[in-house]
Protein backbone atom coordinates (compact mmCIF):
# COMPACT_ATOMS: atom_id res chain seq x y z
CA MET A 1 106.95 47.58 95.22
CA LYS A 2 106.76 49.95 98.19
CA ARG A 3 105.04 53.29 97.58
CA ARG A 4 108.19 55.40 98.09
CA SER A 5 110.23 53.12 95.82
CA LEU A 6 107.51 53.36 93.20
CA PHE A 7 107.64 57.20 93.28
CA ALA A 8 111.43 57.13 93.08
CA ALA A 9 111.32 54.78 90.10
CA SER A 10 108.73 56.98 88.41
CA LEU A 11 110.89 60.08 88.94
CA SER A 12 113.99 58.30 87.64
CA LEU A 13 112.06 57.27 84.54
CA SER A 14 110.82 60.83 83.95
CA LEU A 15 114.31 62.26 84.30
CA ALA A 16 115.71 59.53 82.08
CA LEU A 17 113.22 60.46 79.38
CA MET A 18 114.45 64.05 79.60
CA THR A 19 118.09 63.10 79.14
CA SER A 20 118.18 60.09 76.82
CA GLY A 21 117.83 59.17 73.16
CA GLY A 22 116.82 61.55 70.40
CA TYR A 23 114.96 63.72 72.92
CA ALA A 24 118.25 64.56 74.64
CA GLN A 25 119.84 65.78 71.40
CA ALA A 26 117.39 68.67 71.35
CA GLN A 27 118.04 69.68 74.95
CA PRO A 28 119.93 72.89 75.80
CA ALA A 29 122.81 72.92 78.28
CA ASN A 30 121.84 72.12 81.87
CA SER A 31 122.43 75.74 82.93
CA LYS A 32 119.71 76.70 80.47
CA VAL A 33 117.15 74.25 81.87
CA LEU A 34 115.23 74.89 85.09
CA ARG A 35 113.38 72.00 86.76
CA PHE A 36 110.61 73.06 89.11
CA VAL A 37 108.38 70.90 91.31
CA PRO A 38 104.96 72.58 91.58
CA HIS A 39 102.81 72.19 94.67
CA ALA A 40 100.16 70.25 92.76
CA ASN A 41 99.54 68.34 89.58
CA LEU A 42 98.50 70.57 86.68
CA THR A 43 95.30 69.28 85.12
CA VAL A 44 93.22 72.42 84.46
CA LEU A 45 94.94 74.85 82.09
CA ASP A 46 92.33 77.62 82.05
CA PRO A 47 93.15 80.35 84.64
CA ILE A 48 89.74 81.98 84.28
CA TRP A 49 87.70 78.81 84.73
CA THR A 50 89.42 77.93 88.02
CA THR A 51 91.05 79.77 90.92
CA ALA A 52 93.50 76.91 91.56
CA TYR A 53 96.97 78.31 92.20
CA VAL A 54 98.78 75.70 90.13
CA THR A 55 96.73 76.89 87.13
CA ARG A 56 97.41 80.54 87.99
CA ASN A 57 101.16 79.80 88.16
CA HIS A 58 101.01 78.05 84.80
CA ALA A 59 99.22 81.07 83.36
CA TYR A 60 101.92 83.49 84.56
CA MET A 61 104.38 81.47 82.49
CA ILE A 62 102.55 81.98 79.19
CA TYR A 63 100.22 84.99 79.50
CA ASP A 64 100.76 88.68 80.20
CA THR A 65 98.63 91.27 81.99
CA LEU A 66 97.70 94.90 81.45
CA PHE A 67 98.92 95.96 84.90
CA THR A 68 100.45 94.16 87.84
CA GLU A 69 101.79 94.61 91.36
CA ASP A 70 105.30 95.70 92.36
CA ALA A 71 107.25 94.97 95.55
CA LYS A 72 105.55 97.87 97.36
CA GLY A 73 102.09 96.63 96.45
CA GLN A 74 101.61 99.44 93.94
CA ILE A 75 99.87 98.80 90.62
CA LYS A 76 102.19 99.34 87.65
CA PRO A 77 101.65 99.12 83.86
CA GLN A 78 102.70 95.87 82.21
CA MET A 79 101.23 95.48 78.70
CA VAL A 80 99.88 99.04 78.90
CA ASP A 81 102.18 101.84 77.75
CA SER A 82 100.08 104.79 78.96
CA TYR A 83 96.57 105.67 80.08
CA GLN A 84 94.40 108.75 80.58
CA ILE A 85 91.34 109.49 82.72
CA SER A 86 88.73 112.03 81.66
CA LYS A 87 87.89 114.98 83.91
CA ASP A 88 84.61 113.39 84.96
CA GLU A 89 86.55 110.17 85.73
CA LYS A 90 84.13 108.12 83.63
CA THR A 91 86.26 107.49 80.52
CA TRP A 92 89.55 105.62 80.77
CA THR A 93 91.74 105.40 77.68
CA PHE A 94 94.57 102.85 77.51
CA LYS A 95 97.40 102.53 74.98
CA LEU A 96 99.14 99.17 74.58
CA ARG A 97 102.90 98.90 74.24
CA SER A 98 104.02 98.45 70.65
CA GLY A 99 105.36 95.12 69.46
CA LEU A 100 103.27 92.85 71.69
CA GLU A 101 102.81 89.50 69.97
CA PHE A 102 101.07 86.22 70.74
CA HIS A 103 102.97 82.96 70.55
CA ASP A 104 101.24 82.14 67.25
CA GLY A 105 102.85 85.21 65.67
CA LYS A 106 99.74 87.40 65.64
CA PRO A 107 99.84 90.89 67.21
CA VAL A 108 98.04 91.62 70.47
CA THR A 109 95.20 94.02 69.73
CA SER A 110 92.65 95.99 71.68
CA GLU A 111 89.99 93.50 70.52
CA ASP A 112 91.93 90.71 72.25
CA VAL A 113 92.13 92.79 75.43
CA VAL A 114 88.41 93.55 75.57
CA ALA A 115 87.40 89.95 74.90
CA SER A 116 89.78 88.74 77.62
CA LEU A 117 88.52 91.28 80.16
CA LYS A 118 84.90 90.37 79.53
CA ARG A 119 85.55 86.67 80.02
CA TRP A 120 87.59 87.33 83.18
CA ALA A 121 84.85 89.56 84.64
CA SER A 122 82.30 86.79 84.10
CA ARG A 123 84.15 84.60 86.64
CA ASP A 124 86.16 86.83 88.97
CA ALA A 125 84.68 88.48 92.08
CA MET A 126 86.48 91.79 91.62
CA GLY A 127 85.97 91.73 87.86
CA GLY A 128 82.28 91.20 88.43
CA ILE A 129 82.09 94.26 90.67
CA LEU A 130 83.99 96.36 88.14
CA SER A 131 81.66 95.24 85.34
CA THR A 132 78.71 96.85 87.14
CA PHE A 133 80.41 100.22 86.62
CA ILE A 134 81.20 99.66 82.93
CA THR A 135 78.69 100.97 80.38
CA SER A 136 80.74 99.93 77.36
CA TYR A 137 84.16 99.16 75.91
CA GLU A 138 85.50 100.92 72.83
CA THR A 139 88.39 99.96 70.53
CA PRO A 140 89.18 103.01 68.36
CA ASP A 141 92.31 101.33 66.94
CA ALA A 142 94.35 98.15 67.31
CA ASN A 143 96.48 99.55 70.14
CA THR A 144 93.85 101.58 72.03
CA PHE A 145 90.90 100.54 74.16
CA LYS A 146 88.54 102.57 76.33
CA ILE A 147 86.20 101.77 79.16
CA ILE A 148 83.18 104.00 79.65
CA LEU A 149 81.89 104.02 83.23
CA ASN A 150 78.43 104.92 84.46
CA GLN A 151 80.00 106.62 87.49
CA PRO A 152 83.52 107.15 88.87
CA CYS A 153 85.08 103.97 90.22
CA GLY A 154 88.10 103.64 92.50
CA ILE A 155 89.07 100.07 91.61
CA VAL A 156 89.85 100.14 87.87
CA LEU A 157 93.62 99.77 88.22
CA ASP A 158 93.32 97.48 91.25
CA ALA A 159 91.15 95.14 89.18
CA PHE A 160 93.27 95.21 86.02
CA GLY A 161 96.40 94.74 88.13
CA LYS A 162 94.96 91.96 90.27
CA ALA A 163 97.92 89.72 91.07
CA SER A 164 96.20 86.46 91.95
CA SER A 165 93.23 84.26 91.19
CA ASN A 166 91.48 85.10 89.01
CA VAL A 167 94.06 87.18 87.15
CA PRO A 168 92.91 89.13 84.06
CA PHE A 169 95.34 87.42 81.69
CA ILE A 170 95.19 88.50 78.06
CA MET A 171 94.62 85.86 75.39
CA PRO A 172 93.56 85.96 71.72
CA ALA A 173 89.97 87.13 71.21
CA ARG A 174 88.97 83.92 69.44
CA ILE A 175 89.98 81.95 72.54
CA ALA A 176 88.57 84.49 74.99
CA ALA A 177 85.24 84.16 73.20
CA THR A 178 84.82 80.85 75.04
CA SER A 179 82.16 81.10 77.75
CA GLY A 180 83.54 81.46 81.25
CA THR A 181 81.60 78.34 82.19
CA GLU A 182 83.61 76.28 79.69
CA GLN A 183 87.34 75.58 79.64
CA ILE A 184 89.44 76.95 76.80
CA LYS A 185 91.03 74.39 74.47
CA GLU A 186 94.02 76.40 73.21
CA HIS A 187 96.70 77.92 75.42
CA ILE A 188 98.32 80.79 73.56
CA GLY A 189 99.53 83.90 75.31
CA SER A 190 102.06 86.68 74.78
CA GLY A 191 104.07 86.03 77.94
CA PRO A 192 107.74 85.16 78.50
CA PHE A 193 107.32 81.39 78.05
CA VAL A 194 105.63 79.20 75.43
CA PHE A 195 103.60 76.20 76.58
CA LYS A 196 104.65 73.02 74.77
CA ALA A 197 101.32 71.25 74.40
CA ASP A 198 102.99 68.47 72.41
CA GLU A 199 105.21 67.59 75.39
CA PHE A 200 102.55 67.93 78.11
CA LYS A 201 102.26 64.72 80.14
CA PRO A 202 99.59 65.23 82.84
CA GLY A 203 100.76 63.81 86.12
CA ALA A 204 104.40 63.76 85.03
CA LEU A 205 105.75 66.70 83.04
CA VAL A 206 104.85 70.22 81.87
CA VAL A 207 107.27 71.91 79.46
CA TYR A 208 107.79 75.56 78.56
CA THR A 209 110.34 77.15 76.25
CA ARG A 210 111.66 80.70 76.21
CA ASN A 211 109.60 83.09 74.09
CA ALA A 212 112.36 84.59 71.97
CA LYS A 213 109.98 87.33 70.75
CA TYR A 214 108.84 88.42 74.20
CA LYS A 215 109.14 92.16 74.65
CA SER A 216 110.09 92.77 78.27
CA ARG A 217 109.60 96.09 80.00
CA PRO A 218 112.83 98.08 80.48
CA GLU A 219 112.44 98.58 84.23
CA ALA A 220 114.14 96.39 86.80
CA SER A 221 112.08 93.45 88.08
CA SER A 222 110.04 94.27 91.18
CA ALA A 223 107.75 91.47 92.40
CA LEU A 224 105.46 90.89 89.40
CA ALA A 225 106.20 94.26 87.79
CA GLY A 226 109.01 95.53 85.62
CA GLY A 227 111.25 93.48 83.37
CA ARG A 228 110.66 89.77 82.85
CA THR A 229 114.04 88.56 81.70
CA VAL A 230 114.13 84.85 80.89
CA ASN A 231 117.52 83.18 81.37
CA PHE A 232 116.44 79.62 80.56
CA ASP A 233 115.76 78.09 77.17
CA ARG A 234 113.52 75.52 78.77
CA VAL A 235 111.57 75.12 82.01
CA GLU A 236 110.27 71.74 83.08
CA TRP A 237 107.64 71.31 85.75
CA VAL A 238 108.33 67.85 87.16
CA ILE A 239 105.25 66.47 88.91
CA ILE A 240 106.34 64.59 92.05
CA ARG A 241 103.61 63.96 94.59
CA ASP A 242 105.61 62.14 97.27
CA THR A 243 107.36 64.66 99.52
CA GLN A 244 110.32 62.40 100.35
CA THR A 245 110.94 61.80 96.65
CA GLN A 246 110.83 65.58 96.12
CA PHE A 247 113.43 66.02 98.87
CA ASN A 248 115.71 63.32 97.41
CA ALA A 249 115.49 64.79 93.91
CA LEU A 250 116.39 68.28 95.17
CA LYS A 251 119.27 66.97 97.26
CA ALA A 252 120.65 65.06 94.25
CA GLY A 253 120.35 68.11 91.98
CA GLU A 254 117.77 66.38 89.74
CA VAL A 255 115.38 69.29 90.32
CA ASP A 256 116.15 72.91 91.15
CA ILE A 257 113.15 74.20 93.12
CA ILE A 258 110.37 72.69 95.23
CA GLU A 259 107.57 75.22 95.44
CA GLN A 260 106.02 73.92 98.68
CA PRO A 261 108.13 71.32 100.50
CA SER A 262 106.47 69.60 103.43
CA PHE A 263 106.71 71.41 106.73
CA GLU A 264 108.16 68.29 108.36
CA GLN A 265 111.21 68.61 106.12
CA MET A 266 112.05 72.22 106.94
CA ASP A 267 114.76 71.42 109.49
CA ALA A 268 116.33 68.80 107.22
CA LEU A 269 116.27 71.15 104.24
CA LYS A 270 118.04 73.87 106.21
CA LYS A 271 120.82 71.40 107.03
CA THR A 272 121.18 69.95 103.52
CA GLU A 273 124.29 70.95 101.59
CA GLY A 274 123.54 72.67 98.31
CA VAL A 275 119.99 73.63 99.37
CA ARG A 276 118.44 76.71 100.96
CA VAL A 277 114.96 77.59 102.21
CA GLU A 278 113.65 80.80 100.63
CA ASN A 279 110.58 82.73 101.74
CA TYR A 280 109.51 84.33 98.46
CA ALA A 281 106.00 85.14 99.79
CA PRO A 282 106.43 86.73 103.26
CA ALA A 283 102.82 87.93 103.41
CA GLY A 284 101.87 84.29 103.83
CA MET A 285 98.63 82.39 103.39
CA GLN A 286 95.38 81.61 105.20
CA PHE A 287 93.65 78.25 105.64
CA ILE A 288 89.90 78.32 105.04
CA MET A 289 86.90 76.00 105.17
CA ARG A 290 84.25 76.56 102.51
CA PHE A 291 80.62 75.49 102.80
CA ASN A 292 78.29 74.53 99.98
CA HIS A 293 75.33 76.84 100.50
CA LEU A 294 73.07 75.02 98.04
CA HIS A 295 72.52 71.70 99.80
CA ALA A 296 71.63 70.32 103.22
CA PRO A 297 72.78 70.59 105.86
CA PHE A 298 74.67 73.81 105.06
CA ASN A 299 71.80 75.49 103.23
CA ASN A 300 70.78 76.33 106.81
CA PRO A 301 72.86 79.30 108.08
CA LYS A 302 72.38 78.24 111.72
CA ILE A 303 74.04 74.90 110.94
CA ARG A 304 76.90 76.71 109.19
CA GLN A 305 77.35 78.82 112.32
CA ALA A 306 77.48 75.69 114.45
CA ALA A 307 80.24 74.32 112.25
CA MET A 308 82.12 77.61 112.61
CA VAL A 309 81.92 77.40 116.42
CA ALA A 310 83.29 73.85 116.22
CA MET A 311 86.44 75.05 114.47
CA GLY A 312 89.67 75.59 116.41
CA GLN A 313 92.52 77.24 114.49
CA GLN A 314 95.37 76.01 116.67
CA ALA A 315 94.73 72.37 115.76
CA TYR A 316 94.94 73.21 112.05
CA ILE A 317 98.23 75.06 112.47
CA ASN A 318 99.72 72.40 114.72
CA THR A 319 98.68 69.53 112.46
CA GLN A 320 99.29 70.98 109.02
CA VAL A 321 102.22 73.32 109.70
CA GLY A 322 103.78 72.06 112.92
CA VAL A 323 106.55 74.69 112.83
CA PRO A 324 105.69 77.35 115.45
CA GLU A 325 107.45 80.25 113.74
CA LEU A 326 105.58 79.63 110.46
CA GLY A 327 102.01 79.80 111.82
CA ARG A 328 99.80 82.27 113.68
CA LEU A 329 96.24 82.53 114.93
CA CYS A 330 93.97 85.16 113.34
CA ARG A 331 90.18 85.34 113.58
CA SER A 332 89.82 88.02 110.91
CA MET A 333 88.72 87.04 107.41
CA PHE A 334 91.17 89.65 106.15
CA PRO A 335 94.71 88.55 107.13
CA CYS A 336 96.10 90.01 110.33
CA GLY A 337 98.67 92.67 109.58
CA THR A 338 96.84 93.91 106.46
CA THR A 339 94.79 97.08 105.97
CA TYR A 340 91.29 95.72 106.64
CA ALA A 341 92.11 93.13 109.32
CA ASP A 342 89.46 93.17 112.05
CA GLU A 343 89.31 90.65 114.91
CA ASP A 344 85.89 91.84 116.05
CA THR A 345 84.35 88.57 114.84
CA GLY A 346 81.32 88.07 117.06
CA TYR A 347 80.46 84.45 117.83
CA PHE A 348 83.49 83.12 115.92
CA THR A 349 86.46 82.91 118.27
CA GLY A 350 88.77 80.56 116.39
CA VAL A 351 88.83 78.37 119.49
CA ALA A 352 86.97 75.06 119.23
CA ASN A 353 83.85 74.88 121.39
CA PRO A 354 82.24 71.51 120.60
CA ALA A 355 79.74 71.71 123.46
CA LYS A 356 78.34 75.03 122.25
CA ALA A 357 78.41 73.85 118.63
CA LYS A 358 76.44 70.72 119.58
CA GLN A 359 73.82 72.86 121.35
CA MET A 360 73.57 75.14 118.30
CA LEU A 361 73.12 72.09 116.07
CA GLN A 362 70.23 70.85 118.15
CA GLU A 363 68.58 74.29 118.15
CA ALA A 364 69.00 74.47 114.37
CA GLY A 365 67.21 71.17 113.93
CA TYR A 366 70.10 69.18 112.47
CA ASP A 367 68.70 65.77 111.48
CA GLY A 368 71.94 63.84 111.01
CA THR A 369 72.33 64.55 107.29
CA PRO A 370 75.87 63.44 106.41
CA VAL A 371 78.42 66.14 105.62
CA THR A 372 80.46 65.20 102.53
CA LEU A 373 83.97 66.40 103.33
CA MET A 374 86.57 66.21 100.55
CA ARG A 375 90.27 65.53 101.20
CA PRO A 376 93.03 65.90 98.55
CA THR A 377 95.46 63.13 99.45
CA ASP A 378 98.19 64.24 97.02
CA LEU A 379 98.43 67.92 97.99
CA ALA A 380 100.78 67.91 100.99
CA SER A 381 100.29 71.61 101.78
CA ILE A 382 96.64 71.10 102.80
CA ALA A 383 96.15 67.30 102.97
CA LYS A 384 95.98 67.22 106.78
CA LEU A 385 93.36 69.96 107.12
CA PRO A 386 90.36 67.69 106.41
CA LEU A 387 91.57 65.26 109.08
CA VAL A 388 91.25 68.03 111.66
CA ALA A 389 87.91 69.17 110.23
CA GLN A 390 86.52 65.65 110.44
CA GLN A 391 87.52 65.38 114.09
CA GLN A 392 86.15 68.79 115.06
CA LEU A 393 82.86 68.32 113.20
CA GLN A 394 82.28 64.90 114.69
CA ALA A 395 83.04 66.25 118.19
CA ALA A 396 80.23 68.76 117.64
CA GLY A 397 77.73 66.09 116.58
CA PHE A 398 77.97 66.18 112.79
CA LYS A 399 77.87 62.95 110.82
CA VAL A 400 80.79 63.12 108.36
CA ASP A 401 81.07 61.35 104.99
CA PHE A 402 84.85 61.52 104.49
CA GLN A 403 85.79 61.37 100.80
CA GLN A 404 89.46 61.04 99.78
CA MET A 405 90.65 61.87 96.26
CA ASP A 406 93.48 63.57 94.39
CA TRP A 407 93.51 67.36 94.00
CA ALA A 408 92.53 67.27 90.34
CA THR A 409 89.44 65.22 91.17
CA LEU A 410 88.57 67.60 94.02
CA LEU A 411 88.79 70.60 91.67
CA ALA A 412 86.45 68.90 89.23
CA ARG A 413 84.05 67.82 91.95
CA ARG A 414 83.83 71.19 93.68
CA ALA A 415 82.56 72.68 90.40
CA LYS A 416 79.51 70.40 90.50
CA LYS A 417 76.31 72.01 91.75
CA GLU A 418 74.52 68.69 92.17
CA GLY A 419 73.91 67.38 95.68
CA PRO A 420 76.43 65.16 97.47
CA ALA A 421 74.47 62.02 96.55
CA GLN A 422 74.88 62.96 92.88
CA GLY A 423 78.64 63.52 93.10
CA GLY A 424 78.62 66.95 94.73
CA TRP A 425 79.97 68.02 98.10
CA ASN A 426 79.36 69.92 101.36
CA ILE A 427 82.81 71.08 102.54
CA PHE A 428 86.31 71.51 101.19
CA LEU A 429 89.35 73.18 102.73
CA THR A 430 92.04 75.12 100.95
CA ALA A 431 94.54 77.96 101.38
CA TRP A 432 94.70 81.45 99.93
CA THR A 433 97.64 83.80 99.55
CA ALA A 434 97.27 87.01 101.55
CA GLY A 435 97.15 89.07 98.35
CA ASP A 436 93.92 87.36 97.32
CA ILE A 437 92.05 88.08 100.52
CA THR A 438 93.28 91.47 101.73
CA ASN A 439 90.15 93.26 100.58
CA PRO A 440 86.51 92.22 100.09
CA LEU A 441 86.51 92.68 96.32
CA SER A 442 89.31 90.21 95.65
CA MET A 443 88.16 87.56 98.15
CA ALA A 444 86.45 84.79 96.18
CA MET A 445 84.51 83.56 99.22
CA LEU A 446 82.70 86.91 99.33
CA ASN A 447 81.39 86.46 95.79
CA ALA A 448 77.79 86.01 96.87
CA LYS A 449 76.00 85.98 93.50
CA GLY A 450 74.36 82.63 93.98
CA GLN A 451 74.58 80.38 90.92
CA ASN A 452 77.06 82.81 89.34
CA GLY A 453 79.24 83.05 92.42
CA TRP A 454 82.29 81.14 93.59
CA PHE A 455 82.18 77.43 94.45
CA GLY A 456 79.73 77.15 97.34
CA TRP A 457 77.31 79.50 95.56
CA GLN A 458 76.16 81.71 98.38
CA ASP A 459 73.32 84.07 97.47
CA GLU A 460 73.56 87.13 99.73
CA PRO A 461 72.53 90.51 98.21
CA ARG A 462 73.73 92.40 101.30
CA LEU A 463 77.33 91.39 100.60
CA GLU A 464 77.07 92.45 96.97
CA TYR A 465 75.53 95.79 97.98
CA LEU A 466 78.28 96.49 100.51
CA LYS A 467 80.98 95.53 98.01
CA GLY A 468 79.49 98.04 95.59
CA ARG A 469 79.74 100.74 98.25
CA PHE A 470 83.33 99.72 98.95
CA ALA A 471 84.18 100.02 95.23
CA ARG A 472 82.65 103.49 94.91
CA THR A 473 84.41 105.16 97.83
CA THR A 474 87.99 106.43 97.72
CA ASP A 475 88.13 107.43 101.39
CA VAL A 476 90.41 105.04 103.31
CA ALA A 477 88.58 105.41 106.62
CA GLU A 478 85.24 104.75 104.94
CA LYS A 479 86.66 101.70 103.17
CA LYS A 480 87.79 100.26 106.50
CA LYS A 481 84.35 100.87 107.97
CA ILE A 482 82.64 99.14 105.04
CA ALA A 483 85.12 96.25 105.11
CA SER A 484 84.27 95.63 108.76
CA GLU A 485 80.56 95.67 107.93
CA ILE A 486 81.17 93.19 105.11
CA GLN A 487 83.01 90.90 107.52
CA ARG A 488 80.16 91.18 110.03
CA VAL A 489 77.64 90.03 107.42
CA ALA A 490 80.04 87.31 106.22
CA PHE A 491 80.29 85.85 109.72
CA GLU A 492 76.55 86.23 110.26
CA THR A 493 75.88 84.23 107.08
CA SER A 494 78.94 81.97 107.53
CA THR A 495 80.43 82.38 104.09
CA HIS A 496 83.50 80.39 105.20
CA ALA A 497 85.70 79.81 108.24
CA PRO A 498 89.21 81.33 108.49
CA LEU A 499 91.46 78.71 110.06
CA GLY A 500 94.76 80.49 110.72
CA GLN A 501 97.68 81.98 108.84
CA TYR A 502 101.03 80.53 107.85
CA ILE A 503 104.13 80.98 105.73
CA SER A 504 105.21 78.33 103.20
CA PRO A 505 108.80 78.84 101.97
CA ALA A 506 110.25 77.20 98.87
CA ALA A 507 113.27 74.89 98.80
CA VAL A 508 115.89 75.97 96.25
CA ARG A 509 119.27 74.71 95.09
CA THR A 510 122.00 77.17 96.12
CA ASN A 511 123.18 77.57 92.52
CA ILE A 512 119.84 79.21 91.68
CA SER A 513 119.69 82.98 92.12
CA GLY A 514 117.28 85.81 91.42
CA MET A 515 114.06 84.43 92.94
CA LEU A 516 111.70 87.37 93.28
CA VAL A 517 109.66 88.20 96.37
CA THR A 518 106.02 88.32 95.23
CA PRO A 519 102.46 88.34 96.63
CA GLY A 520 102.59 84.54 96.52
CA VAL A 521 103.30 83.67 92.89
CA PRO A 522 106.50 81.66 92.23
CA VAL A 523 107.59 83.39 89.02
CA LEU A 524 110.45 81.83 87.07
CA TRP A 525 111.75 84.82 85.16
CA ASN A 526 114.70 86.87 86.49
CA MET A 527 116.28 83.65 87.80
CA LYS A 528 119.66 82.18 86.84
CA LYS A 529 121.47 78.88 87.33
CA ASN A 530 125.19 79.17 88.05
């Protein structure tokens, strides 16, 4: 059977299972079911253990947060009802909204909040910075928690309201007690949807039902803030990896939304009756290349710099995006058009210079050690990036060990600290929403705490020192100055390579309304099916 026919048959079988036999008798009316095609297969369910966006999106379905971001980028209370700051700005007191309840029927308490925040801070770059300011947590009663700081800190609300990976989602204390280095085994939140673990079919189907006891905020929805009204009794994530099969299913009305359709299909989607293209994340995304700082050859900063000089952004945009109006060049690590963007990037020009890179390699003493480059074959939004990287690295004189795998395998492999010969890696490429990388405290690639840092495990005390200075100051001009210094050190030490910006709209059936504009999270509340 041909590959496309096999995908089509698999989809037909999945949809048949949803609408046949005894299973169908329990199904609500079609207008009360939303079928969503996520950009990747969901295999990791722990949003603190990984920064993968498909896991983050899953978490927004079932968990809630203390604060979050509105359409103006302002931090607004979500689970929190009110808060107070002491005169010396070192004691913050938070009151939870009344009536918050986990899916297992137990109330959300301040103990749950503190346990969740501690676990989050053990993994997240911004949470880790905030934790250096926290002397202690206090829980005077079930609905009140306090943080006691050792000095005033300007990022408390920014951290608690962090909109993207890693998000400080609140879960029961007994689950949050799991070490951040281990994945949680239960998935119970207090959010607008309930995860149906008994119907979870990895690689095929993820099911959520409406949380009838969810207590929404009274305000109108605004990006991730305000009310979270659920108009569906059931949401089904249908895992379809083949982009043409996705397109056919949307056209036939078998699914309602494709989160990230292939760029090649944009023109066809715009011309398809009953379908529209919707840009729910106008701030866009950035492609990046991440180095493993632990192992040869990229444990040598000079060799990392050579790889940076070999990179040309235009080839990535042309190959992966291919739609001129959806891509743009930008040398800055902080996205162009955002507060801390700075295109004073020294030796990194974003224009491929293989001759110079080859000379730098020779001067650095590169001995031909193979570079293990991972490619996720089933993630259409970034699958072509490693093809470009392989070409550009080889043009500069690198020997490349090209490893192809699915995205789930890549996520598991990138967590391994062993060398490439033992199942580890040297390079992977991915994409980040602008909201995750607009400042140095939220950018995972700038988590330079060595073995406790983000995948790649850079150990660079200067970055951590500068991030601490950034967190302490409230002066905007000073923050910009420090952000530029952080970027200078990041390029000097080659934390990662920014490879251009782009926009990735969703494809939506025209009978679906109410899709919210967000910092990059496709939330499924507020939506209706006519």
